[in-house]
Structure formats: structure tokens, C-alpha cells
Amino acid sequence: MTFASIQFLFYFLPLFLLLYFSAKQIKTKNFIFVVFSLIFYSVGYTPHLLILLFSIAVNYYVALAVDRNEGARRKRFLILGVIFNVL
């Protein structure tokens, strides 16, 4: 699915906007945004979804490590996360 496709413009986008703007809480809006993003990526080519999910998991755990540490160790985790994302 591309941004200019009929499926995106007339089905996917209106459904996303309806659900997103009808949600009251920011956590619900964020959840809707993430779910629709994952659906969008999976429709194009499913292996891309697996790569994206792996990247999300690694970044989540690196962010936890950065948050839990201080000083030089914190900086090492941050550098590790940046290197992972560049590769």
C-alpha cells in the first residue's frame, strides 16, 4: 500500500483518522497510531514488519539501559543504540 493508493486514501486513512480523533486519552491515541503504523508496514511487505518490530524491541531495551545507568556507562549504551540504528 502506498500513500497515493485507493486503499490508503479511502479506507485506511479515514478509519485511522476516525479512531484517532475519537479517542480521548493520549495513551489511546498513541496505541492507535502504533497499531496503524504496524498495519501499514505489514501490508507492503511482511518481512519489513519483522525488522521494524525487532528494531522497536532493541531500542526499547537500550532506552531502559540508558535510563537506569549514569556517567560513562550511560553514554556507552547511548552510543550502542545509535550504532544499532545507523546499521
Foldseek 3Di string as FASTA:
>chain_A
DDCPDPCCPPPLVVVLVVQLVVDDDPVSNVVSVVVSVLVVVCVVPNVVSVVVVVLVVLLVVLVVQLVVDDDPSNVVSVVVNVVVVVD
